[in-house]
Structures are given as C-alpha cells and as structure tokens.
mmCIF file of all heavy atoms, coordinates in Angstrom:
data_MODEL
# 
_entry.id   MODEL 
# 
loop_
_atom_site.group_PDB 
_atom_site.id 
_atom_site.type_symbol 
_atom_site.label_atom_id 
_atom_site.label_alt_id 
_atom_site.label_comp_id 
_atom_site.label_asym_id 
_atom_site.label_entity_id 
_atom_site.label_seq_id 
_atom_site.pdbx_PDB_ins_code 
_atom_site.Cartn_x 
_atom_site.Cartn_y 
_atom_site.Cartn_z 
_atom_site.occupancy 
_atom_site.B_iso_or_equiv 
_atom_site.pdbx_formal_charge 
_atom_site.auth_seq_id 
_atom_site.auth_comp_id 
_atom_site.auth_asym_id 
_atom_site.auth_atom_id 
_atom_site.pdbx_PDB_model_num 
ATOM 1   N N   . ILE A 1 1  ? -45.403 -3.734  -36.689 1.00 0.00 ? 1  ILE A N   1 
ATOM 2   C CA  . ILE A 1 1  ? -45.456 -4.797  -37.677 1.00 0.00 ? 1  ILE A CA  1 
ATOM 3   C C   . ILE A 1 1  ? -45.116 -4.232  -39.074 1.00 0.00 ? 1  ILE A C   1 
ATOM 4   O O   . ILE A 1 1  ? -45.347 -3.008  -39.326 1.00 0.00 ? 1  ILE A O   1 
ATOM 5   C CB  . ILE A 1 1  ? -46.805 -5.554  -37.724 1.00 0.00 ? 1  ILE A CB  1 
ATOM 6   C CG1 . ILE A 1 1  ? -47.942 -4.513  -38.000 1.00 0.00 ? 1  ILE A CG1 1 
ATOM 7   C CG2 . ILE A 1 1  ? -47.027 -6.350  -36.417 1.00 0.00 ? 1  ILE A CG2 1 
ATOM 8   C CD1 . ILE A 1 1  ? -49.302 -5.218  -38.201 1.00 0.00 ? 1  ILE A CD1 1 
ATOM 9   N N   . ALA A 1 2  ? -44.570 -5.036  -39.964 1.00 0.00 ? 2  ALA A N   1 
ATOM 10  C CA  . ALA A 1 2  ? -44.268 -4.632  -41.281 1.00 0.00 ? 2  ALA A CA  1 
ATOM 11  C C   . ALA A 1 2  ? -44.416 -5.794  -42.229 1.00 0.00 ? 2  ALA A C   1 
ATOM 12  O O   . ALA A 1 2  ? -44.296 -6.981  -41.826 1.00 0.00 ? 2  ALA A O   1 
ATOM 13  C CB  . ALA A 1 2  ? -42.790 -4.135  -41.368 1.00 0.00 ? 2  ALA A CB  1 
ATOM 14  N N   . ALA A 1 3  ? -44.758 -5.501  -43.465 1.00 0.00 ? 3  ALA A N   1 
ATOM 15  C CA  . ALA A 1 3  ? -44.940 -6.534  -44.497 1.00 0.00 ? 3  ALA A CA  1 
ATOM 16  C C   . ALA A 1 3  ? -44.917 -5.909  -45.872 1.00 0.00 ? 3  ALA A C   1 
ATOM 17  O O   . ALA A 1 3  ? -45.210 -4.695  -46.053 1.00 0.00 ? 3  ALA A O   1 
ATOM 18  C CB  . ALA A 1 3  ? -46.280 -7.251  -44.309 1.00 0.00 ? 3  ALA A CB  1 
ATOM 19  N N   . ILE A 1 4  ? -44.584 -6.703  -46.853 1.00 0.00 ? 4  ILE A N   1 
ATOM 20  C CA  . ILE A 1 4  ? -44.740 -6.255  -48.242 1.00 0.00 ? 4  ILE A CA  1 
ATOM 21  C C   . ILE A 1 4  ? -46.236 -6.449  -48.594 1.00 0.00 ? 4  ILE A C   1 
ATOM 22  O O   . ILE A 1 4  ? -46.801 -7.516  -48.430 1.00 0.00 ? 4  ILE A O   1 
ATOM 23  C CB  . ILE A 1 4  ? -43.842 -7.168  -49.180 1.00 0.00 ? 4  ILE A CB  1 
ATOM 24  C CG1 . ILE A 1 4  ? -42.376 -6.991  -48.790 1.00 0.00 ? 4  ILE A CG1 1 
ATOM 25  C CG2 . ILE A 1 4  ? -44.044 -6.810  -50.637 1.00 0.00 ? 4  ILE A CG2 1 
ATOM 26  C CD1 . ILE A 1 4  ? -41.443 -7.971  -49.556 1.00 0.00 ? 4  ILE A CD1 1 
ATOM 27  N N   . ALA A 1 5  ? -46.820 -5.301  -48.990 1.00 0.00 ? 5  ALA A N   1 
ATOM 28  C CA  . ALA A 1 5  ? -48.290 -5.350  -49.250 1.00 0.00 ? 5  ALA A CA  1 
ATOM 29  C C   . ALA A 1 5  ? -48.669 -5.547  -50.687 1.00 0.00 ? 5  ALA A C   1 
ATOM 30  O O   . ALA A 1 5  ? -49.891 -5.567  -50.923 1.00 0.00 ? 5  ALA A O   1 
ATOM 31  C CB  . ALA A 1 5  ? -48.842 -4.011  -48.720 1.00 0.00 ? 5  ALA A CB  1 
ATOM 32  N N   . THR A 1 6  ? -47.738 -5.707  -51.555 1.00 0.00 ? 6  THR A N   1 
ATOM 33  C CA  . THR A 1 6  ? -48.037 -5.967  -52.955 1.00 0.00 ? 6  THR A CA  1 
ATOM 34  C C   . THR A 1 6  ? -47.725 -7.420  -53.272 1.00 0.00 ? 6  THR A C   1 
ATOM 35  O O   . THR A 1 6  ? -46.981 -8.001  -52.624 1.00 0.00 ? 6  THR A O   1 
ATOM 36  C CB  . THR A 1 6  ? -47.217 -4.987  -53.859 1.00 0.00 ? 6  THR A CB  1 
ATOM 37  O OG1 . THR A 1 6  ? -45.925 -4.866  -53.335 1.00 0.00 ? 6  THR A OG1 1 
ATOM 38  C CG2 . THR A 1 6  ? -47.882 -3.603  -53.878 1.00 0.00 ? 6  THR A CG2 1 
ATOM 39  N N   . PRO A 1 7  ? -48.361 -7.943  -54.393 1.00 0.00 ? 7  PRO A N   1 
ATOM 40  C CA  . PRO A 1 7  ? -48.099 -9.316  -54.692 1.00 0.00 ? 7  PRO A CA  1 
ATOM 41  C C   . PRO A 1 7  ? -46.635 -9.659  -54.986 1.00 0.00 ? 7  PRO A C   1 
ATOM 42  O O   . PRO A 1 7  ? -45.914 -8.789  -55.334 1.00 0.00 ? 7  PRO A O   1 
ATOM 43  C CB  . PRO A 1 7  ? -48.983 -9.576  -55.975 1.00 0.00 ? 7  PRO A CB  1 
ATOM 44  C CG  . PRO A 1 7  ? -50.013 -8.459  -55.881 1.00 0.00 ? 7  PRO A CG  1 
ATOM 45  C CD  . PRO A 1 7  ? -49.284 -7.286  -55.222 1.00 0.00 ? 7  PRO A CD  1 
ATOM 46  N N   . GLN A 1 8  ? -46.297 -10.955 -54.814 1.00 0.00 ? 8  GLN A N   1 
ATOM 47  C CA  . GLN A 1 8  ? -44.921 -11.417 -55.198 1.00 0.00 ? 8  GLN A CA  1 
ATOM 48  C C   . GLN A 1 8  ? -44.664 -11.237 -56.656 1.00 0.00 ? 8  GLN A C   1 
ATOM 49  O O   . GLN A 1 8  ? -45.587 -11.316 -57.460 1.00 0.00 ? 8  GLN A O   1 
ATOM 50  C CB  . GLN A 1 8  ? -44.789 -12.841 -54.705 1.00 0.00 ? 8  GLN A CB  1 
ATOM 51  C CG  . GLN A 1 8  ? -44.859 -13.095 -53.202 1.00 0.00 ? 8  GLN A CG  1 
ATOM 52  C CD  . GLN A 1 8  ? -44.584 -14.480 -52.827 1.00 0.00 ? 8  GLN A CD  1 
ATOM 53  O OE1 . GLN A 1 8  ? -44.311 -15.318 -53.641 1.00 0.00 ? 8  GLN A OE1 1 
ATOM 54  N NE2 . GLN A 1 8  ? -44.688 -14.787 -51.542 1.00 0.00 ? 8  GLN A NE2 1 
ATOM 55  N N   . GLY A 1 9  ? -43.434 -11.096 -56.951 1.00 0.00 ? 9  GLY A N   1 
ATOM 56  C CA  . GLY A 1 9  ? -43.019 -10.984 -58.331 1.00 0.00 ? 9  GLY A CA  1 
ATOM 57  C C   . GLY A 1 9  ? -42.648 -9.529  -58.704 1.00 0.00 ? 9  GLY A C   1 
ATOM 58  O O   . GLY A 1 9  ? -42.641 -8.688  -57.869 1.00 0.00 ? 9  GLY A O   1 
ATOM 59  N N   . ARG A 1 10 ? -42.327 -9.321  -59.955 1.00 0.00 ? 10 ARG A N   1 
ATOM 60  C CA  . ARG A 1 10 ? -41.956 -7.964  -60.402 1.00 0.00 ? 10 ARG A CA  1 
ATOM 61  C C   . ARG A 1 10 ? -43.141 -7.138  -60.739 1.00 0.00 ? 10 ARG A C   1 
ATOM 62  O O   . ARG A 1 10 ? -44.174 -7.642  -61.237 1.00 0.00 ? 10 ARG A O   1 
ATOM 63  C CB  . ARG A 1 10 ? -41.031 -8.104  -61.582 1.00 0.00 ? 10 ARG A CB  1 
ATOM 64  C CG  . ARG A 1 10 ? -39.645 -8.763  -61.340 1.00 0.00 ? 10 ARG A CG  1 
ATOM 65  C CD  . ARG A 1 10 ? -38.851 -8.951  -62.571 1.00 0.00 ? 10 ARG A CD  1 
ATOM 66  N NE  . ARG A 1 10 ? -37.514 -9.440  -62.293 1.00 0.00 ? 10 ARG A NE  1 
ATOM 67  C CZ  . ARG A 1 10 ? -37.273 -10.724 -62.049 1.00 0.00 ? 10 ARG A CZ  1 
ATOM 68  N NH1 . ARG A 1 10 ? -38.228 -11.608 -62.084 1.00 0.00 ? 10 ARG A NH1 1 
ATOM 69  N NH2 . ARG A 1 10 ? -36.025 -11.075 -61.731 1.00 0.00 ? 10 ARG A NH2 1 
ATOM 70  N N   . GLY A 1 11 ? -43.024 -5.850  -60.461 1.00 0.00 ? 11 GLY A N   1 
ATOM 71  C CA  . GLY A 1 11 ? -44.125 -4.919  -60.820 1.00 0.00 ? 11 GLY A CA  1 
ATOM 72  C C   . GLY A 1 11 ? -43.556 -3.458  -60.866 1.00 0.00 ? 11 GLY A C   1 
ATOM 73  O O   . GLY A 1 11 ? -42.440 -3.233  -60.466 1.00 0.00 ? 11 GLY A O   1 
ATOM 74  N N   . GLY A 1 12 ? -44.334 -2.631  -61.378 1.00 0.00 ? 12 GLY A N   1 
ATOM 75  C CA  . GLY A 1 12 ? -43.885 -1.215  -61.505 1.00 0.00 ? 12 GLY A CA  1 
ATOM 76  C C   . GLY A 1 12 ? -43.673 -0.597  -60.158 1.00 0.00 ? 12 GLY A C   1 
ATOM 77  O O   . GLY A 1 12 ? -42.813 0.202   -59.984 1.00 0.00 ? 12 GLY A O   1 
ATOM 78  N N   . ILE A 1 13 ? -44.579 -0.918  -59.186 1.00 0.00 ? 13 ILE A N   1 
ATOM 79  C CA  . ILE A 1 13 ? -44.495 -0.382  -57.833 1.00 0.00 ? 13 ILE A CA  1 
ATOM 80  C C   . ILE A 1 13 ? -44.611 -1.472  -56.825 1.00 0.00 ? 13 ILE A C   1 
ATOM 81  O O   . ILE A 1 13 ? -45.400 -2.453  -56.979 1.00 0.00 ? 13 ILE A O   1 
ATOM 82  C CB  . ILE A 1 13 ? -45.638 0.630   -57.585 1.00 0.00 ? 13 ILE A CB  1 
ATOM 83  C CG1 . ILE A 1 13 ? -45.489 1.825   -58.600 1.00 0.00 ? 13 ILE A CG1 1 
ATOM 84  C CG2 . ILE A 1 13 ? -45.704 1.131   -56.207 1.00 0.00 ? 13 ILE A CG2 1 
ATOM 85  C CD1 . ILE A 1 13 ? -46.644 2.825   -58.551 1.00 0.00 ? 13 ILE A CD1 1 
ATOM 86  N N   . GLY A 1 14 ? -43.842 -1.350  -55.722 1.00 0.00 ? 14 GLY A N   1 
ATOM 87  C CA  . GLY A 1 14 ? -44.001 -2.281  -54.625 1.00 0.00 ? 14 GLY A CA  1 
ATOM 88  C C   . GLY A 1 14 ? -44.192 -1.467  -53.360 1.00 0.00 ? 14 GLY A C   1 
ATOM 89  O O   . GLY A 1 14 ? -43.692 -0.370  -53.268 1.00 0.00 ? 14 GLY A O   1 
ATOM 90  N N   . VAL A 1 15 ? -44.944 -2.022  -52.396 1.00 0.00 ? 15 VAL A N   1 
ATOM 91  C CA  . VAL A 1 15 ? -45.287 -1.282  -51.224 1.00 0.00 ? 15 VAL A CA  1 
ATOM 92  C C   . VAL A 1 15 ? -44.864 -2.122  -49.920 1.00 0.00 ? 15 VAL A C   1 
ATOM 93  O O   . VAL A 1 15 ? -45.249 -3.289  -49.894 1.00 0.00 ? 15 VAL A O   1 
ATOM 94  C CB  . VAL A 1 15 ? -46.782 -0.984  -51.088 1.00 0.00 ? 15 VAL A CB  1 
ATOM 95  C CG1 . VAL A 1 15 ? -47.106 -0.271  -49.814 1.00 0.00 ? 15 VAL A CG1 1 
ATOM 96  C CG2 . VAL A 1 15 ? -47.183 -0.074  -52.278 1.00 0.00 ? 15 VAL A CG2 1 
ATOM 97  N N   . VAL A 1 16 ? -44.179 -1.475  -49.061 1.00 0.00 ? 16 VAL A N   1 
ATOM 98  C CA  . VAL A 1 16 ? -43.926 -2.031  -47.731 1.00 0.00 ? 16 VAL A CA  1 
ATOM 99  C C   . VAL A 1 16 ? -44.699 -1.228  -46.719 1.00 0.00 ? 16 VAL A C   1 
ATOM 100 O O   . VAL A 1 16 ? -44.576 0.069   -46.688 1.00 0.00 ? 16 VAL A O   1 
ATOM 101 C CB  . VAL A 1 16 ? -42.392 -2.016  -47.323 1.00 0.00 ? 16 VAL A CB  1 
ATOM 102 C CG1 . VAL A 1 16 ? -42.239 -2.404  -45.866 1.00 0.00 ? 16 VAL A CG1 1 
ATOM 103 C CG2 . VAL A 1 16 ? -41.579 -2.943  -48.219 1.00 0.00 ? 16 VAL A CG2 1 
ATOM 104 N N   . ARG A 1 17 ? -45.555 -1.873  -45.971 1.00 0.00 ? 17 ARG A N   1 
ATOM 105 C CA  . ARG A 1 17 ? -46.470 -1.241  -45.038 1.00 0.00 ? 17 ARG A CA  1 
ATOM 106 C C   . ARG A 1 17 ? -46.045 -1.492  -43.574 1.00 0.00 ? 17 ARG A C   1 
ATOM 107 O O   . ARG A 1 17 ? -45.702 -2.607  -43.253 1.00 0.00 ? 17 ARG A O   1 
ATOM 108 C CB  . ARG A 1 17 ? -47.899 -1.676  -45.289 1.00 0.00 ? 17 ARG A CB  1 
ATOM 109 C CG  . ARG A 1 17 ? -48.915 -1.147  -44.292 1.00 0.00 ? 17 ARG A CG  1 
ATOM 110 C CD  . ARG A 1 17 ? -50.273 -1.730  -44.595 1.00 0.00 ? 17 ARG A CD  1 
ATOM 111 N NE  . ARG A 1 17 ? -50.805 -1.111  -45.815 1.00 0.00 ? 17 ARG A NE  1 
ATOM 112 C CZ  . ARG A 1 17 ? -51.854 -1.651  -46.483 1.00 0.00 ? 17 ARG A CZ  1 
ATOM 113 N NH1 . ARG A 1 17 ? -52.400 -2.784  -46.059 1.00 0.00 ? 17 ARG A NH1 1 
ATOM 114 N NH2 . ARG A 1 17 ? -52.309 -1.041  -47.556 1.00 0.00 ? 17 ARG A NH2 1 
ATOM 115 N N   . LEU A 1 18 ? -46.059 -0.446  -42.763 1.00 0.00 ? 18 LEU A N   1 
ATOM 116 C CA  . LEU A 1 18 ? -45.812 -0.630  -41.312 1.00 0.00 ? 18 LEU A CA  1 
ATOM 117 C C   . LEU A 1 18 ? -46.956 -0.058  -40.532 1.00 0.00 ? 18 LEU A C   1 
ATOM 118 O O   . LEU A 1 18 ? -47.618 0.887   -40.924 1.00 0.00 ? 18 LEU A O   1 
ATOM 119 C CB  . LEU A 1 18 ? -44.493 0.193   -40.902 1.00 0.00 ? 18 LEU A CB  1 
ATOM 120 C CG  . LEU A 1 18 ? -43.182 -0.250  -41.607 1.00 0.00 ? 18 LEU A CG  1 
ATOM 121 C CD1 . LEU A 1 18 ? -42.892 0.735   -42.714 1.00 0.00 ? 18 LEU A CD1 1 
ATOM 122 C CD2 . LEU A 1 18 ? -42.042 -0.217  -40.602 1.00 0.00 ? 18 LEU A CD2 1 
ATOM 123 N N   . SER A 1 19 ? -47.100 -0.607  -39.320 1.00 0.00 ? 19 SER A N   1 
ATOM 124 C CA  . SER A 1 19 ? -48.172 -0.124  -38.434 1.00 0.00 ? 19 SER A CA  1 
ATOM 125 C C   . SER A 1 19 ? -47.738 -0.330  -37.003 1.00 0.00 ? 19 SER A C   1 
ATOM 126 O O   . SER A 1 19 ? -47.181 -1.350  -36.652 1.00 0.00 ? 19 SER A O   1 
ATOM 127 C CB  . SER A 1 19 ? -49.508 -0.876  -38.668 1.00 0.00 ? 19 SER A CB  1 
ATOM 128 O OG  . SER A 1 19 ? -50.513 -0.387  -37.794 1.00 0.00 ? 19 SER A OG  1 
ATOM 129 N N   . GLY A 1 20 ? -47.977 0.689   -36.151 1.00 0.00 ? 20 GLY A N   1 
ATOM 130 C CA  . GLY A 1 20 ? -47.632 0.579   -34.756 1.00 0.00 ? 20 GLY A CA  1 
ATOM 131 C C   . GLY A 1 20 ? -48.051 1.855   -34.000 1.00 0.00 ? 20 GLY A C   1 
ATOM 132 O O   . GLY A 1 20 ? -48.600 2.747   -34.538 1.00 0.00 ? 20 GLY A O   1 
ATOM 133 N N   . ARG A 1 21 ? -47.650 1.884   -32.706 1.00 0.00 ? 21 ARG A N   1 
ATOM 134 C CA  . ARG A 1 21 ? -48.054 3.025   -31.794 1.00 0.00 ? 21 ARG A CA  1 
ATOM 135 C C   . ARG A 1 21 ? -47.381 4.246   -32.228 1.00 0.00 ? 21 ARG A C   1 
ATOM 136 O O   . ARG A 1 21 ? -47.975 5.339   -32.142 1.00 0.00 ? 21 ARG A O   1 
ATOM 137 C CB  . ARG A 1 21 ? -47.780 2.657   -30.371 1.00 0.00 ? 21 ARG A CB  1 
ATOM 138 C CG  . ARG A 1 21 ? -48.775 1.565   -29.840 1.00 0.00 ? 21 ARG A CG  1 
ATOM 139 C CD  . ARG A 1 21 ? -50.189 1.970   -29.862 1.00 0.00 ? 21 ARG A CD  1 
ATOM 140 N NE  . ARG A 1 21 ? -51.107 0.986   -29.383 1.00 0.00 ? 21 ARG A NE  1 
ATOM 141 C CZ  . ARG A 1 21 ? -51.573 0.958   -28.136 1.00 0.00 ? 21 ARG A CZ  1 
ATOM 142 N NH1 . ARG A 1 21 ? -51.263 1.898   -27.299 1.00 0.00 ? 21 ARG A NH1 1 
ATOM 143 N NH2 . ARG A 1 21 ? -52.358 0.029   -27.786 1.00 0.00 ? 21 ARG A NH2 1 
ATOM 144 N N   . ASP A 1 22 ? -46.103 4.250   -32.595 1.00 0.00 ? 22 ASP A N   1 
ATOM 145 C CA  . ASP A 1 22 ? -45.363 5.518   -32.861 1.00 0.00 ? 22 ASP A CA  1 
ATOM 146 C C   . ASP A 1 22 ? -44.333 5.144   -33.912 1.00 0.00 ? 22 ASP A C   1 
ATOM 147 O O   . ASP A 1 22 ? -43.337 4.444   -33.645 1.00 0.00 ? 22 ASP A O   1 
ATOM 148 C CB  . ASP A 1 22 ? -44.711 6.037   -31.618 1.00 0.00 ? 22 ASP A CB  1 
ATOM 149 C CG  . ASP A 1 22 ? -44.002 7.380   -31.846 1.00 0.00 ? 22 ASP A CG  1 
ATOM 150 O OD1 . ASP A 1 22 ? -44.068 7.892   -33.012 1.00 0.00 ? 22 ASP A OD1 1 
ATOM 151 O OD2 . ASP A 1 22 ? -43.375 7.847   -30.899 1.00 0.00 ? 22 ASP A OD2 1 
ATOM 152 N N   . LEU A 1 23 ? -44.548 5.663   -35.137 1.00 0.00 ? 23 LEU A N   1 
ATOM 153 C CA  . LEU A 1 23 ? -43.610 5.360   -36.250 1.00 0.00 ? 23 LEU A CA  1 
ATOM 154 C C   . LEU A 1 23 ? -42.647 6.569   -36.584 1.00 0.00 ? 23 LEU A C   1 
ATOM 155 O O   . LEU A 1 23 ? -42.006 6.524   -37.548 1.00 0.00 ? 23 LEU A O   1 
ATOM 156 C CB  . LEU A 1 23 ? -44.392 5.034   -37.518 1.00 0.00 ? 23 LEU A CB  1 
ATOM 157 C CG  . LEU A 1 23 ? -45.251 3.749   -37.420 1.00 0.00 ? 23 LEU A CG  1 
ATOM 158 C CD1 . LEU A 1 23 ? -45.894 3.454   -38.707 1.00 0.00 ? 23 LEU A CD1 1 
ATOM 159 C CD2 . LEU A 1 23 ? -44.421 2.570   -36.952 1.00 0.00 ? 23 LEU A CD2 1 
ATOM 160 N N   . SER A 1 24 ? -42.730 7.607   -35.730 1.00 0.00 ? 24 SER A N   1 
ATOM 161 C CA  . SER A 1 24 ? -41.877 8.812   -36.032 1.00 0.00 ? 24 SER A CA  1 
ATOM 162 C C   . SER A 1 24 ? -40.423 8.487   -36.106 1.00 0.00 ? 24 SER A C   1 
ATOM 163 O O   . SER A 1 24 ? -39.636 8.866   -36.971 1.00 0.00 ? 24 SER A O   1 
ATOM 164 C CB  . SER A 1 24 ? -42.190 9.928   -35.085 1.00 0.00 ? 24 SER A CB  1 
ATOM 165 O OG  . SER A 1 24 ? -41.909 9.499   -33.780 1.00 0.00 ? 24 SER A OG  1 
ATOM 166 N N   . GLY A 1 25 ? -39.971 7.649   -35.111 1.00 0.00 ? 25 GLY A N   1 
ATOM 167 C CA  . GLY A 1 25 ? -38.532 7.292   -34.998 1.00 0.00 ? 25 GLY A CA  1 
ATOM 168 C C   . GLY A 1 25 ? -38.074 6.484   -36.264 1.00 0.00 ? 25 GLY A C   1 
ATOM 169 O O   . GLY A 1 25 ? -37.044 6.727   -36.823 1.00 0.00 ? 25 GLY A O   1 
# 
C-alpha cells in the first residue's frame, strides 16, 4: 500500500509512505 502521508496543499516537505511484506525491489 502507498499514500501521501502529509496534508493536501503546498508545504516545505511532503511524504509518500509505503508498507508491505518486501519493499526492497
């Protein structure tokens, strides 16, 4: 799964977060 983890709109930093069994690939 993946999602933007920071609020909508403009900001100094934005974060996309992923989670799963194996993310090395």
